[in-house]
Structures are given as C-alpha cells and as structure tokens.
Amino acid sequence: MHIRQQMEIINTCNCRITELYGEWAKQHGMSYHAMITLYALNQDRKCTQKQIAEEWLIPKQTVNTVVKDLERRGYLCFEPGRDQKEKLVCFTPQGKLYAAEVLEELYQMEDRVMERMGAALCQALVDSNAAFAQALADEVSHGA
C-alpha cells in the first residue's frame, strides 16, 4: 500500500472515531464538546478553560459555552488559580456524580473496545499514534 493510501485510511479513521464519540455523546444527551470537557476535567480534576481548549483542541469560545452551561446546571464551579485572572474549573459535588455516571458508561465502552482488540494491538495502536503525532509535530515545527 502506498503512503497516500495509508494516510487516507488514517485520516478517515481519525474522523470516524471523532464522529462515533460525537454520536455516543448525542445518545447520552450532550454535545461532543460537553463530553470532551467532562472527560478532560475528570482526568485533570481542576484546570483552566484555556488548558482544556489547548489540550483537547476545542475552540476557547466553545469551551467557555460548555463550561457556562455545565455551571448553570450546577455541575461546575470556579476556584481561584495562580493569579487573580486565572480561574480553575472544577466539579461541584453534583457534577462529580454526574460526570462519574456518564463517564463510567463511556469508560466501559472504551474498555470493551480495547479488550476486543487485544493487548498487543492496543499497545501497537498507542505506540504508533504517539510516534505519528510526534513525527508530525516535528515536521510541522521544523519541516519545509
């Protein structure tokens, strides 16, 4: 298989994975970006909106809209950060319960998928994705 064919398959698969996560989120009454925001906060516990936007590649305005909605629903609150301008986003007690319930279903689905693939293929996927991301970052930063 030629490189162009491989890249087409890789990019199509990446788009399909994002689409499937979006479909899952919709089935669970939320947007893709709300799901990713919950996912990010559940991993980091407390972080800024800027960190979520940068680490999860979501537009800052979208993160702000999602965070404001989750705050309005009583799931998120803000705590002071390193300086007066910085605010850390964190779960309220109600938000922790909500995120745990919703994300547990997502984590279980991901676990089933990984188990179905088998340990060797999962590790190869992790390793190859990490290597590809690093090589692409190197090319974007230092390439032609």
Foldseek 3Di string as FASTA:
>chain_A
DDPVVVVVVVVVVVVVVLVVCQVLQVVVPHGSLLLQLLVVCVVVQKDFLVCSCVVVVNDSVVSVVSLVVCVVVQFWDWDDDPDNVTIIIHGDPVNVVVSCVSVVVVVVVVVVVDVVCPDVVVVVVVVVVVVVVVVVVCCVVPND
